[in-house]
Amino acid sequence: MPRPKKCRRVCSMPRVTAFVPQEAGRAHPVTMTVDEYEAVRLIDLEGLTQEQAAAQMEIARTTAQAIYLSARKKLADCLVNGRRLVIAGGDVAVCTEGCCSGRLNCPKRKGRTSE
């Protein structure tokens, strides 16, 4: 029996959950999970390393890397093939404390010393 999937912590749900190219055909949309979105946000937008992003999401670095690579492949598919992107689903837990900038500044993390 496989191990249950661990929830990935995200700072907040995406404000925009779909992107549609101007000339979108009838191809099936690409679905990016919320944890994939969070990995791209932390690594590409916030400039964190995969290790820092993994700590923020409370997962292993290798898991963060796999999530990030999956997300990048989906983004490339949408850009190159003009497919619609939908952000939904995934095993996530939204930080109830609210996050500051995403740079490990979440108040939930401030009391921790093991990082």
PDB file of N, CA and C in Angstrom:
ATOM      1  N   MET A   1       0.840  -1.176   0.000  1.00  0.00           N
ATOM      2  CA  MET A   1       0.000   0.000   0.000  1.00  0.00           C
ATOM      3  C   MET A   1       0.890   1.246   0.000  1.00  0.00           C
ATOM      4  N   PRO A   2       0.666   2.174  -0.933  1.00  0.00           N
ATOM      5  CA  PRO A   2       1.511   3.363  -0.994  1.00  0.00           C
ATOM      6  C   PRO A   2       1.276   4.282   0.208  1.00  0.00           C
ATOM      7  N   ARG A   3       2.311   5.034   0.491  1.00  0.00           N
ATOM      8  CA  ARG A   3       2.238   6.007   1.571  1.00  0.00           C
ATOM      9  C   ARG A   3       1.245   7.110   1.210  1.00  0.00           C
ATOM     10  N   PRO A   4       0.467   7.622   2.177  1.00  0.00           N
ATOM     11  CA  PRO A   4      -0.444   8.724   1.850  1.00  0.00           C
ATOM     12  C   PRO A   4       0.339   9.975   1.463  1.00  0.00           C
ATOM     13  N   LYS A   5      -0.212  10.736   0.550  1.00  0.00           N
ATOM     14  CA  LYS A   5       0.436  11.944   0.073  1.00  0.00           C
ATOM     15  C   LYS A   5       0.386  13.017   1.157  1.00  0.00           C
ATOM     16  N   LYS A   6       1.519  13.665   1.396  1.00  0.00           N
ATOM     17  CA  LYS A   6       1.597  14.719   2.389  1.00  0.00           C
ATOM     18  C   LYS A   6       1.093  16.030   1.771  1.00  0.00           C
ATOM     19  N   CYS A   7       0.301  16.766   2.522  1.00  0.00           N
ATOM     20  CA  CYS A   7      -0.167  18.065   2.032  1.00  0.00           C
ATOM     21  C   CYS A   7       1.019  19.018   1.903  1.00  0.00           C
ATOM     22  N   ARG A   8       0.998  19.805   0.853  1.00  0.00           N
ATOM     23  CA  ARG A   8       2.028  20.816   0.637  1.00  0.00           C
ATOM     24  C   ARG A   8       1.464  22.142   1.107  1.00  0.00           C
ATOM     25  N   ARG A   9       2.238  22.897   1.863  1.00  0.00           N
ATOM     26  CA  ARG A   9       1.762  24.166   2.398  1.00  0.00           C
ATOM     27  C   ARG A   9       1.950  25.263   1.361  1.00  0.00           C
ATOM     28  N   VAL A  10       0.904  26.025   1.127  1.00  0.00           N
ATOM     29  CA  VAL A  10       0.961  27.167   0.219  1.00  0.00           C
ATOM     30  C   VAL A  10       0.535  28.411   0.985  1.00  0.00           C
ATOM     31  N   CYS A  11       1.070  29.554   0.585  1.00  0.00           N
ATOM     32  CA  CYS A  11       0.757  30.806   1.289  1.00  0.00           C
ATOM     33  C   CYS A  11      -0.675  31.252   1.048  1.00  0.00           C
ATOM     34  N   SER A  12      -1.158  31.080  -0.163  1.00  0.00           N
ATOM     35  CA  SER A  12      -2.530  31.459  -0.487  1.00  0.00           C
ATOM     36  C   SER A  12      -2.922  30.797  -1.799  1.00  0.00           C
ATOM     37  N   MET A  13      -4.202  30.735  -2.030  1.00  0.00           N
ATOM     38  CA  MET A  13      -4.686  30.181  -3.290  1.00  0.00           C
ATOM     39  C   MET A  13      -4.438  31.215  -4.393  1.00  0.00           C
ATOM     40  N   PRO A  14      -4.224  30.770  -5.622  1.00  0.00           N
ATOM     41  CA  PRO A  14      -3.989  31.723  -6.721  1.00  0.00           C
ATOM     42  C   PRO A  14      -5.189  32.646  -6.935  1.00  0.00           C
ATOM     43  N   ARG A  15      -4.895  33.903  -7.204  1.00  0.00           N
ATOM     44  CA  ARG A  15      -5.979  34.863  -7.491  1.00  0.00           C
ATOM     45  C   ARG A  15      -6.562  34.622  -8.877  1.00  0.00           C
ATOM     46  N   VAL A  16      -5.732  34.206  -9.815  1.00  0.00           N
ATOM     47  CA  VAL A  16      -6.165  33.914 -11.177  1.00  0.00           C
ATOM     48  C   VAL A  16      -6.011  32.407 -11.376  1.00  0.00           C
ATOM     49  N   THR A  17      -7.064  31.743 -11.826  1.00  0.00           N
ATOM     50  CA  THR A  17      -7.016  30.285 -11.928  1.00  0.00           C
ATOM     51  C   THR A  17      -7.093  29.762 -13.360  1.00  0.00           C
ATOM     52  N   ALA A  18      -7.063  30.643 -14.348  1.00  0.00           N
ATOM     53  CA  ALA A  18      -7.076  30.177 -15.736  1.00  0.00           C
ATOM     54  C   ALA A  18      -6.438  31.226 -16.639  1.00  0.00           C
ATOM     55  N   PHE A  19      -5.729  30.747 -17.645  1.00  0.00           N
ATOM     56  CA  PHE A  19      -5.142  31.592 -18.672  1.00  0.00           C
ATOM     57  C   PHE A  19      -5.517  30.991 -20.018  1.00  0.00           C
ATOM     58  N   VAL A  20      -6.005  31.854 -20.916  1.00  0.00           N
ATOM     59  CA  VAL A  20      -6.462  31.368 -22.208  1.00  0.00           C
ATOM     60  C   VAL A  20      -5.785  32.190 -23.303  1.00  0.00           C
ATOM     61  N   PRO A  21      -5.051  31.529 -24.218  1.00  0.00           N
ATOM     62  CA  PRO A  21      -4.448  32.263 -25.333  1.00  0.00           C
ATOM     63  C   PRO A  21      -5.534  32.865 -26.225  1.00  0.00           C
ATOM     64  N   GLN A  22      -5.204  33.938 -26.913  1.00  0.00           N
ATOM     65  CA  GLN A  22      -6.176  34.584 -27.785  1.00  0.00           C
ATOM     66  C   GLN A  22      -6.713  33.633 -28.831  1.00  0.00           C
ATOM     67  N   GLU A  23      -5.871  32.785 -29.358  1.00  0.00           N
ATOM     68  CA  GLU A  23      -6.290  31.868 -30.411  1.00  0.00           C
ATOM     69  C   GLU A  23      -6.315  30.434 -29.886  1.00  0.00           C
ATOM     70  N   ALA A  24      -6.902  30.245 -28.732  1.00  0.00           N
ATOM     71  CA  ALA A  24      -6.968  28.899 -28.152  1.00  0.00           C
ATOM     72  C   ALA A  24      -7.848  28.014 -29.019  1.00  0.00           C
ATOM     73  N   GLY A  25      -7.314  26.879 -29.369  1.00  0.00           N
ATOM     74  CA  GLY A  25      -8.084  25.921 -30.158  1.00  0.00           C
ATOM     75  C   GLY A  25      -8.985  25.096 -29.256  1.00  0.00           C
ATOM     76  N   ARG A  26      -9.397  23.969 -29.756  1.00  0.00           N
ATOM     77  CA  ARG A  26     -10.272  23.089 -28.988  1.00  0.00           C
ATOM     78  C   ARG A  26      -9.493  22.028 -28.215  1.00  0.00           C
ATOM     79  N   ALA A  27      -8.189  22.189 -28.131  1.00  0.00           N
ATOM     80  CA  ALA A  27      -7.374  21.219 -27.405  1.00  0.00           C
ATOM     81  C   ALA A  27      -7.762  21.218 -25.931  1.00  0.00           C
ATOM     82  N   HIS A  28      -7.602  20.076 -25.309  1.00  0.00           N
ATOM     83  CA  HIS A  28      -7.917  19.967 -23.891  1.00  0.00           C
ATOM     84  C   HIS A  28      -7.017  20.905 -23.092  1.00  0.00           C
ATOM     85  N   PRO A  29      -7.555  21.515 -22.043  1.00  0.00           N
ATOM     86  CA  PRO A  29      -6.726  22.416 -21.229  1.00  0.00           C
ATOM     87  C   PRO A  29      -5.688  21.626 -20.426  1.00  0.00           C
ATOM     88  N   VAL A  30      -4.633  22.311 -20.057  1.00  0.00           N
ATOM     89  CA  VAL A  30      -3.603  21.754 -19.192  1.00  0.00           C
ATOM     90  C   VAL A  30      -3.961  22.162 -17.761  1.00  0.00           C
ATOM     91  N   THR A  31      -3.991  21.201 -16.847  1.00  0.00           N
ATOM     92  CA  THR A  31      -4.307  21.508 -15.464  1.00  0.00           C
ATOM     93  C   THR A  31      -3.044  21.485 -14.623  1.00  0.00           C
ATOM     94  N   MET A  32      -2.734  22.616 -14.016  1.00  0.00           N
ATOM     95  CA  MET A  32      -1.605  22.742 -13.104  1.00  0.00           C
ATOM     96  C   MET A  32      -2.173  22.732 -11.691  1.00  0.00           C
ATOM     97  N   THR A  33      -1.606  21.912 -10.815  1.00  0.00           N
ATOM     98  CA  THR A  33      -2.103  21.864  -9.446  1.00  0.00           C
ATOM     99  C   THR A  33      -1.624  23.086  -8.668  1.00  0.00           C
ATOM    100  N   VAL A  34      -2.272  23.351  -7.562  1.00  0.00           N
ATOM    101  CA  VAL A  34      -1.929  24.518  -6.752  1.00  0.00           C
ATOM    102  C   VAL A  34      -0.507  24.395  -6.198  1.00  0.00           C
ATOM    103  N   ASP A  35      -0.069  23.185  -5.861  1.00  0.00           N
ATOM    104  CA  ASP A  35       1.305  23.035  -5.367  1.00  0.00           C
ATOM    105  C   ASP A  35       2.326  23.278  -6.483  1.00  0.00           C
ATOM    106  N   GLU A  36       1.993  22.934  -7.716  1.00  0.00           N
ATOM    107  CA  GLU A  36       2.879  23.250  -8.842  1.00  0.00           C
ATOM    108  C   GLU A  36       2.949  24.764  -9.039  1.00  0.00           C
ATOM    109  N   TYR A  37       1.810  25.421  -8.960  1.00  0.00           N
ATOM    110  CA  TYR A  37       1.759  26.886  -9.038  1.00  0.00           C
ATOM    111  C   TYR A  37       2.650  27.500  -7.956  1.00  0.00           C
ATOM    112  N   GLU A  38       2.536  26.993  -6.724  1.00  0.00           N
ATOM    113  CA  GLU A  38       3.309  27.540  -5.605  1.00  0.00           C
ATOM    114  C   GLU A  38       4.807  27.337  -5.818  1.00  0.00           C
ATOM    115  N   ALA A  39       5.202  26.194  -6.362  1.00  0.00           N
ATOM    116  CA  ALA A  39       6.617  25.944  -6.632  1.00  0.00           C
ATOM    117  C   ALA A  39       7.158  26.940  -7.655  1.00  0.00           C
ATOM    118  N   VAL A  40       6.414  27.185  -8.714  1.00  0.00           N
ATOM    119  CA  VAL A  40       6.834  28.158  -9.728  1.00  0.00           C
ATOM    120  C   VAL A  40       6.891  29.561  -9.121  1.00  0.00           C
ATOM    121  N   ARG A  41       5.902  29.896  -8.306  1.00  0.00           N
ATOM    122  CA  ARG A  41       5.873  31.224  -7.662  1.00  0.00           C
ATOM    123  C   ARG A  41       7.094  31.418  -6.776  1.00  0.00           C
ATOM    124  N   LEU A  42       7.388  30.432  -5.947  1.00  0.00           N
ATOM    125  CA  LEU A  42       8.505  30.566  -5.011  1.00  0.00           C
ATOM    126  C   LEU A  42       9.856  30.574  -5.715  1.00  0.00           C
ATOM    127  N   ILE A  43      10.049  29.669  -6.679  1.00  0.00           N
ATOM    128  CA  ILE A  43      11.357  29.535  -7.318  1.00  0.00           C
ATOM    129  C   ILE A  43      11.575  30.594  -8.394  1.00  0.00           C
ATOM    130  N   ASP A  44      10.622  30.751  -9.307  1.00  0.00           N
ATOM    131  CA  ASP A  44      10.823  31.688 -10.426  1.00  0.00           C
ATOM    132  C   ASP A  44      10.504  33.137 -10.067  1.00  0.00           C
ATOM    133  N   LEU A  45       9.429  33.372  -9.338  1.00  0.00           N
ATOM    134  CA  LEU A  45       9.041  34.745  -9.034  1.00  0.00           C
ATOM    135  C   LEU A  45       9.762  35.293  -7.803  1.00  0.00           C
ATOM    136  N   GLU A  46       9.784  34.514  -6.716  1.00  0.00           N
ATOM    137  CA  GLU A  46      10.416  34.981  -5.478  1.00  0.00           C
ATOM    138  C   GLU A  46      11.925  34.772  -5.473  1.00  0.00           C
ATOM    139  N   GLY A  47      12.435  33.921  -6.372  1.00  0.00           N
ATOM    140  CA  GLY A  47      13.873  33.712  -6.465  1.00  0.00           C
ATOM    141  C   GLY A  47      14.458  32.791  -5.404  1.00  0.00           C
ATOM    142  N   LEU A  48      13.622  31.963  -4.792  1.00  0.00           N
ATOM    143  CA  LEU A  48      14.123  31.032  -3.799  1.00  0.00           C
ATOM    144  C   LEU A  48      14.807  29.848  -4.477  1.00  0.00           C
ATOM    145  N   THR A  49      15.699  29.193  -3.761  1.00  0.00           N
ATOM    146  CA  THR A  49      16.283  27.955  -4.257  1.00  0.00           C
ATOM    147  C   THR A  49      15.249  26.849  -4.064  1.00  0.00           C
ATOM    148  N   GLN A  50      15.500  25.708  -4.693  1.00  0.00           N
ATOM    149  CA  GLN A  50      14.583  24.582  -4.507  1.00  0.00           C
ATOM    150  C   GLN A  50      14.555  24.156  -3.041  1.00  0.00           C
ATOM    151  N   GLU A  51      15.677  24.229  -2.375  1.00  0.00           N
ATOM    152  CA  GLU A  51      15.746  23.865  -0.958  1.00  0.00           C
ATOM    153  C   GLU A  51      14.917  24.823  -0.104  1.00  0.00           C
ATOM    154  N   GLN A  52      15.007  26.117  -0.374  1.00  0.00           N
ATOM    155  CA  GLN A  52      14.228  27.102   0.375  1.00  0.00           C
ATOM    156  C   GLN A  52      12.735  26.947   0.085  1.00  0.00           C
ATOM    157  N   ALA A  53      12.399  26.693  -1.189  1.00  0.00           N
ATOM    158  CA  ALA A  53      10.994  26.495  -1.554  1.00  0.00           C
ATOM    159  C   ALA A  53      10.437  25.248  -0.867  1.00  0.00           C
ATOM    160  N   ALA A  54      11.237  24.198  -0.803  1.00  0.00           N
ATOM    161  CA  ALA A  54      10.813  22.971  -0.134  1.00  0.00           C
ATOM    162  C   ALA A  54      10.545  23.226   1.342  1.00  0.00           C
ATOM    163  N   ALA A  55      11.407  23.991   1.983  1.00  0.00           N
ATOM    164  CA  ALA A  55      11.206  24.324   3.397  1.00  0.00           C
ATOM    165  C   ALA A  55       9.925  25.126   3.572  1.00  0.00           C
ATOM    166  N   GLN A  56       9.681  26.075   2.678  1.00  0.00           N
ATOM    167  CA  GLN A  56       8.469  26.896   2.745  1.00  0.00           C
ATOM    168  C   GLN A  56       7.214  26.038   2.582  1.00  0.00           C
ATOM    169  N   MET A  57       7.293  25.045   1.680  1.00  0.00           N
ATOM    170  CA  MET A  57       6.133  24.194   1.411  1.00  0.00           C
ATOM    171  C   MET A  57       6.056  22.988   2.355  1.00  0.00           C
ATOM    172  N   GLU A  58       7.070  22.843   3.207  1.00  0.00           N
ATOM    173  CA  GLU A  58       7.145  21.748   4.177  1.00  0.00           C
ATOM    174  C   GLU A  58       7.159  20.371   3.512  1.00  0.00           C
ATOM    175  N   ILE A  59       8.031  20.248   2.495  1.00  0.00           N
ATOM    176  CA  ILE A  59       8.221  18.987   1.775  1.00  0.00           C
ATOM    177  C   ILE A  59       9.714  18.783   1.556  1.00  0.00           C
ATOM    178  N   ALA A  60      10.088  17.613   1.090  1.00  0.00           N
ATOM    179  CA  ALA A  60      11.491  17.317   0.785  1.00  0.00           C
ATOM    180  C   ALA A  60      11.936  18.078  -0.462  1.00  0.00           C
ATOM    181  N   ARG A  61      13.227  18.371  -0.541  1.00  0.00           N
ATOM    182  CA  ARG A  61      13.747  19.091  -1.698  1.00  0.00           C
ATOM    183  C   ARG A  61      13.520  18.303  -2.987  1.00  0.00           C
ATOM    184  N   THR A  62      13.676  16.991  -2.930  1.00  0.00           N
ATOM    185  CA  THR A  62      13.470  16.181  -4.131  1.00  0.00           C
ATOM    186  C   THR A  62      12.015  16.239  -4.589  1.00  0.00           C
ATOM    187  N   THR A  63      11.094  16.319  -3.648  1.00  0.00           N
ATOM    188  CA  THR A  63       9.666  16.458  -3.992  1.00  0.00           C
ATOM    189  C   THR A  63       9.428  17.820  -4.624  1.00  0.00           C
ATOM    190  N   ALA A  64      10.023  18.864  -4.051  1.00  0.00           N
ATOM    191  CA  ALA A  64       9.880  20.218  -4.611  1.00  0.00           C
ATOM    192  C   ALA A  64      10.423  20.260  -6.033  1.00  0.00           C
ATOM    193  N   GLN A  65      11.547  19.601  -6.270  1.00  0.00           N
ATOM    194  CA  GLN A  65      12.141  19.567  -7.596  1.00  0.00           C
ATOM    195  C   GLN A  65      11.208  18.872  -8.592  1.00  0.00           C
ATOM    196  N   ALA A  66      10.633  17.750  -8.191  1.00  0.00           N
ATOM    197  CA  ALA A  66       9.723  17.022  -9.081  1.00  0.00           C
ATOM    198  C   ALA A  66       8.478  17.846  -9.390  1.00  0.00           C
ATOM    199  N   ILE A  67       7.924  18.509  -8.383  1.00  0.00           N
ATOM    200  CA  ILE A  67       6.740  19.354  -8.577  1.00  0.00           C
ATOM    201  C   ILE A  67       7.078  20.496  -9.531  1.00  0.00           C
ATOM    202  N   TYR A  68       8.231  21.126  -9.315  1.00  0.00           N
ATOM    203  CA  TYR A  68       8.668  22.262 -10.133  1.00  0.00           C
ATOM    204  C   TYR A  68       8.872  21.844 -11.593  1.00  0.00           C
ATOM    205  N   LEU A  69       9.531  20.712 -11.815  1.00  0.00           N
ATOM    206  CA  LEU A  69       9.762  20.243 -13.185  1.00  0.00           C
ATOM    207  C   LEU A  69       8.457  19.920 -13.897  1.00  0.00           C
ATOM    208  N   SER A  70       7.512  19.334 -13.176  1.00  0.00           N
ATOM    209  CA  SER A  70       6.205  19.041 -13.758  1.00  0.00           C
ATOM    210  C   SER A  70       5.487  20.335 -14.160  1.00  0.00           C
ATOM    211  N   ALA A  71       5.563  21.324 -13.299  1.00  0.00           N
ATOM    212  CA  ALA A  71       4.919  22.616 -13.580  1.00  0.00           C
ATOM    213  C   ALA A  71       5.547  23.300 -14.787  1.00  0.00           C
ATOM    214  N   ARG A  72       6.881  23.273 -14.867  1.00  0.00           N
ATOM    215  CA  ARG A  72       7.566  23.912 -15.994  1.00  0.00           C
ATOM    216  C   ARG A  72       7.202  23.234 -17.313  1.00  0.00           C
ATOM    217  N   LYS A  73       7.072  21.911 -17.302  1.00  0.00           N
ATOM    218  CA  LYS A  73       6.691  21.191 -18.521  1.00  0.00           C
ATOM    219  C   LYS A  73       5.288  21.608 -18.957  1.00  0.00           C
ATOM    220  N   LYS A  74       4.382  21.757 -18.007  1.00  0.00           N
ATOM    221  CA  LYS A  74       3.015  22.167 -18.325  1.00  0.00           C
ATOM    222  C   LYS A  74       2.985  23.595 -18.867  1.00  0.00           C
ATOM    223  N   LEU A  75       3.778  24.489 -18.285  1.00  0.00           N
ATOM    224  CA  LEU A  75       3.850  25.861 -18.789  1.00  0.00           C
ATOM    225  C   LEU A  75       4.383  25.891 -20.220  1.00  0.00           C
ATOM    226  N   ALA A  76       5.407  25.102 -20.482  1.00  0.00           N
ATOM    227  CA  ALA A  76       5.969  25.050 -21.836  1.00  0.00           C
ATOM    228  C   ALA A  76       4.939  24.534 -22.831  1.00  0.00           C
ATOM    229  N   ASP A  77       4.180  23.516 -22.451  1.00  0.00           N
ATOM    230  CA  ASP A  77       3.135  22.969 -23.321  1.00  0.00           C
ATOM    231  C   ASP A  77       2.116  24.052 -23.668  1.00  0.00           C
ATOM    232  N   CYS A  78       1.716  24.820 -22.677  1.00  0.00           N
ATOM    233  CA  CYS A  78       0.733  25.888 -22.911  1.00  0.00           C
ATOM    234  C   CYS A  78       1.289  26.968 -23.830  1.00  0.00           C
ATOM    235  N   LEU A  79       2.528  27.381 -23.586  1.00  0.00           N
ATOM    236  CA  LEU A  79       3.121  28.443 -24.398  1.00  0.00           C
ATOM    237  C   LEU A  79       3.383  28.007 -25.831  1.00  0.00           C
ATOM    238  N   VAL A  80       3.950  26.836 -26.004  1.00  0.00           N
ATOM    239  CA  VAL A  80       4.333  26.369 -27.335  1.00  0.00           C
ATOM    240  C   VAL A  80       3.120  25.934 -28.143  1.00  0.00           C
ATOM    241  N   ASN A  81       2.179  25.249 -27.515  1.00  0.00           N
ATOM    242  CA  ASN A  81       1.042  24.690 -28.243  1.00  0.00           C
ATOM    243  C   ASN A  81      -0.239  25.509 -28.122  1.00  0.00           C
ATOM    244  N   GLY A  82      -0.185  26.645 -27.454  1.00  0.00           N
ATOM    245  CA  GLY A  82      -1.342  27.523 -27.356  1.00  0.00           C
ATOM    246  C   GLY A  82      -2.514  26.911 -26.597  1.00  0.00           C
ATOM    247  N   ARG A  83      -2.207  26.102 -25.600  1.00  0.00           N
ATOM    248  CA  ARG A  83      -3.278  25.451 -24.828  1.00  0.00           C
ATOM    249  C   ARG A  83      -3.668  26.310 -23.630  1.00  0.00           C
ATOM    250  N   ARG A  84      -4.902  26.134 -23.212  1.00  0.00           N
ATOM    251  CA  ARG A  84      -5.429  26.846 -22.054  1.00  0.00           C
ATOM    252  C   ARG A  84      -4.833  26.237 -20.784  1.00  0.00           C
ATOM    253  N   LEU A  85      -4.521  27.080 -19.797  1.00  0.00           N
ATOM    254  CA  LEU A  85      -3.972  26.631 -18.521  1.00  0.00           C
ATOM    255  C   LEU A  85      -5.002  26.851 -17.423  1.00  0.00           C
ATOM    256  N   VAL A  86      -5.266  25.816 -16.649  1.00  0.00           N
ATOM    257  CA  VAL A  86      -6.189  25.897 -15.524  1.00  0.00           C
ATOM    258  C   VAL A  86      -5.411  25.508 -14.272  1.00  0.00           C
ATOM    259  N   ILE A  87      -5.536  26.300 -13.206  1.00  0.00           N
ATOM    260  CA  ILE A  87      -4.873  25.998 -11.938  1.00  0.00           C
ATOM    261  C   ILE A  87      -5.928  25.521 -10.962  1.00  0.00           C
ATOM    262  N   ALA A  88      -5.822  24.255 -10.558  1.00  0.00           N
ATOM    263  CA  ALA A  88      -6.819  23.672  -9.655  1.00  0.00           C
ATOM    264  C   ALA A  88      -6.296  22.369  -9.076  1.00  0.00           C
ATOM    265  N   GLY A  89      -6.785  22.030  -7.891  1.00  0.00           N
ATOM    266  CA  GLY A  89      -6.511  20.724  -7.303  1.00  0.00           C
ATOM    267  C   GLY A  89      -5.166  20.629  -6.622  1.00  0.00           C
ATOM    268  N   GLY A  90      -4.851  19.424  -6.210  1.00  0.00           N
ATOM    269  CA  GLY A  90      -3.605  19.168  -5.507  1.00  0.00           C
ATOM    270  C   GLY A  90      -3.848  18.998  -4.018  1.00  0.00           C
ATOM    271  N   ASP A  91      -2.914  18.341  -3.364  1.00  0.00           N
ATOM    272  CA  ASP A  91      -3.003  18.133  -1.915  1.00  0.00           C
ATOM    273  C   ASP A  91      -2.278  19.270  -1.211  1.00  0.00           C
ATOM    274  N   VAL A  92      -3.022  20.319  -0.890  1.00  0.00           N
ATOM    275  CA  VAL A  92      -2.408  21.504  -0.284  1.00  0.00           C
ATOM    276  C   VAL A  92      -3.104  21.885   1.011  1.00  0.00           C
ATOM    277  N   ALA A  93      -2.351  22.574   1.846  1.00  0.00           N
ATOM    278  CA  ALA A  93      -2.883  23.176   3.059  1.00  0.00           C
ATOM    279  C   ALA A  93      -2.514  24.648   2.999  1.00  0.00           C
ATOM    280  N   VAL A  94      -3.505  25.515   3.016  1.00  0.00           N
ATOM    281  CA  VAL A  94      -3.252  26.951   2.936  1.00  0.00           C
ATOM    282  C   VAL A  94      -2.836  27.455   4.307  1.00  0.00           C
ATOM    283  N   CYS A  95      -1.771  28.236   4.342  1.00  0.00           N
ATOM    284  CA  CYS A  95      -1.267  28.793   5.590  1.00  0.00           C
ATOM    285  C   CYS A  95      -2.329  29.717   6.168  1.00  0.00           C
ATOM    286  N   THR A  96      -2.796  29.394   7.356  1.00  0.00           N
ATOM    287  CA  THR A  96      -3.857  30.195   7.972  1.00  0.00           C
ATOM    288  C   THR A  96      -3.331  31.447   8.640  1.00  0.00           C
ATOM    289  N   GLU A  97      -2.017  31.538   8.812  1.00  0.00           N
ATOM    290  CA  GLU A  97      -1.424  32.708   9.456  1.00  0.00           C
ATOM    291  C   GLU A  97      -1.269  33.864   8.474  1.00  0.00           C
ATOM    292  N   GLY A  98      -1.304  33.574   7.198  1.00  0.00           N
ATOM    293  CA  GLY A  98      -1.064  34.600   6.182  1.00  0.00           C
ATOM    294  C   GLY A  98       0.431  34.790   6.011  1.00  0.00           C
ATOM    295  N   CYS A  99       0.885  34.919   4.798  1.00  0.00           N
ATOM    296  CA  CYS A  99       2.316  35.065   4.555  1.00  0.00           C
ATOM    297  C   CYS A  99       2.651  36.488   4.155  1.00  0.00           C
ATOM    298  N   CYS A 100       3.848  36.859   4.466  1.00  0.00           N
ATOM    299  CA  CYS A 100       4.312  38.208   4.141  1.00  0.00           C
ATOM    300  C   CYS A 100       4.703  38.272   2.674  1.00  0.00           C
ATOM    301  N   SER A 101       5.935  37.918   2.374  1.00  0.00           N
ATOM    302  CA  SER A 101       6.402  38.030   0.995  1.00  0.00           C
ATOM    303  C   SER A 101       6.677  36.689   0.343  1.00  0.00           C
ATOM    304  N   GLY A 102       6.503  35.594   1.071  1.00  0.00           N
ATOM    305  CA  GLY A 102       6.828  34.299   0.508  1.00  0.00           C
ATOM    306  C   GLY A 102       8.278  33.925   0.750  1.00  0.00           C
ATOM    307  N   ARG A 103       9.087  34.822   1.243  1.00  0.00           N
ATOM    308  CA  ARG A 103      10.508  34.554   1.483  1.00  0.00           C
ATOM    309  C   ARG A 103      10.739  34.029   2.897  1.00  0.00           C
ATOM    310  N   LEU A 104      10.059  32.937   3.212  1.00  0.00           N
ATOM    311  CA  LEU A 104      10.177  32.296   4.514  1.00  0.00           C
ATOM    312  C   LEU A 104       9.805  33.239   5.655  1.00  0.00           C
ATOM    313  N   ASN A 105       8.994  34.259   5.373  1.00  0.00           N
ATOM    314  CA  ASN A 105       8.605  35.222   6.388  1.00  0.00           C
ATOM    315  C   ASN A 105       7.239  34.953   6.987  1.00  0.00           C
ATOM    316  N   CYS A 106       6.658  33.836   6.682  1.00  0.00           N
ATOM    317  CA  CYS A 106       5.339  33.521   7.202  1.00  0.00           C
ATOM    318  C   CYS A 106       5.400  33.513   8.723  1.00  0.00           C
ATOM    319  N   PRO A 107       4.490  34.192   9.405  1.00  0.00           N
ATOM    320  CA  PRO A 107       4.498  34.207  10.866  1.00  0.00           C
ATOM    321  C   PRO A 107       4.451  32.804  11.459  1.00  0.00           C
ATOM    322  N   LYS A 108       3.867  31.857  10.744  1.00  0.00           N
ATOM    323  CA  LYS A 108       3.795  30.483  11.223  1.00  0.00           C
ATOM    324  C   LYS A 108       5.190  29.902  11.409  1.00  0.00           C
ATOM    325  N   ARG A 109       6.158  30.344  10.612  1.00  0.00           N
ATOM    326  CA  ARG A 109       7.491  29.781  10.625  1.00  0.00           C
ATOM    327  C   ARG A 109       8.440  30.512  11.589  1.00  0.00           C
ATOM    328  N   LYS A 110       8.104  31.694  12.067  1.00  0.00           N
ATOM    329  CA  LYS A 110       9.045  32.519  12.816  1.00  0.00           C
ATOM    330  C   LYS A 110       9.560  31.877  14.099  1.00  0.00           C
ATOM    331  N   GLY A 111       8.765  31.079  14.776  1.00  0.00           N
ATOM    332  CA  GLY A 111       9.190  30.474  16.027  1.00  0.00           C
ATOM    333  C   GLY A 111      10.053  29.248  15.863  1.00  0.00           C
ATOM    334  N   ARG A 112      10.259  28.790  14.647  1.00  0.00           N
ATOM    335  CA  ARG A 112      11.007  27.554  14.402  1.00  0.00           C
ATOM    336  C   ARG A 112      12.496  27.809  14.418  1.00  0.00           C
ATOM    337  N   THR A 113      13.229  26.886  14.987  1.00  0.00           N
ATOM    338  CA  THR A 113      14.694  27.019  15.030  1.00  0.00           C
ATOM    339  C   THR A 113      15.394  25.944  14.237  1.00  0.00           C
ATOM    340  N   SER A 114      14.688  24.956  13.747  1.00  0.00           N
ATOM    341  CA  SER A 114      15.320  23.828  13.056  1.00  0.00           C
ATOM    342  C   SER A 114      15.438  24.049  11.547  1.00  0.00           C
ATOM    343  N   GLU A 115      15.642  25.281  11.108  1.00  0.00           N
ATOM    344  CA  GLU A 115      15.759  25.514   9.671  1.00  0.00           C
ATOM    345  C   GLU A 115      17.068  26.139   9.328  1.00  0.00           C
TER     346      GLU A 115
END
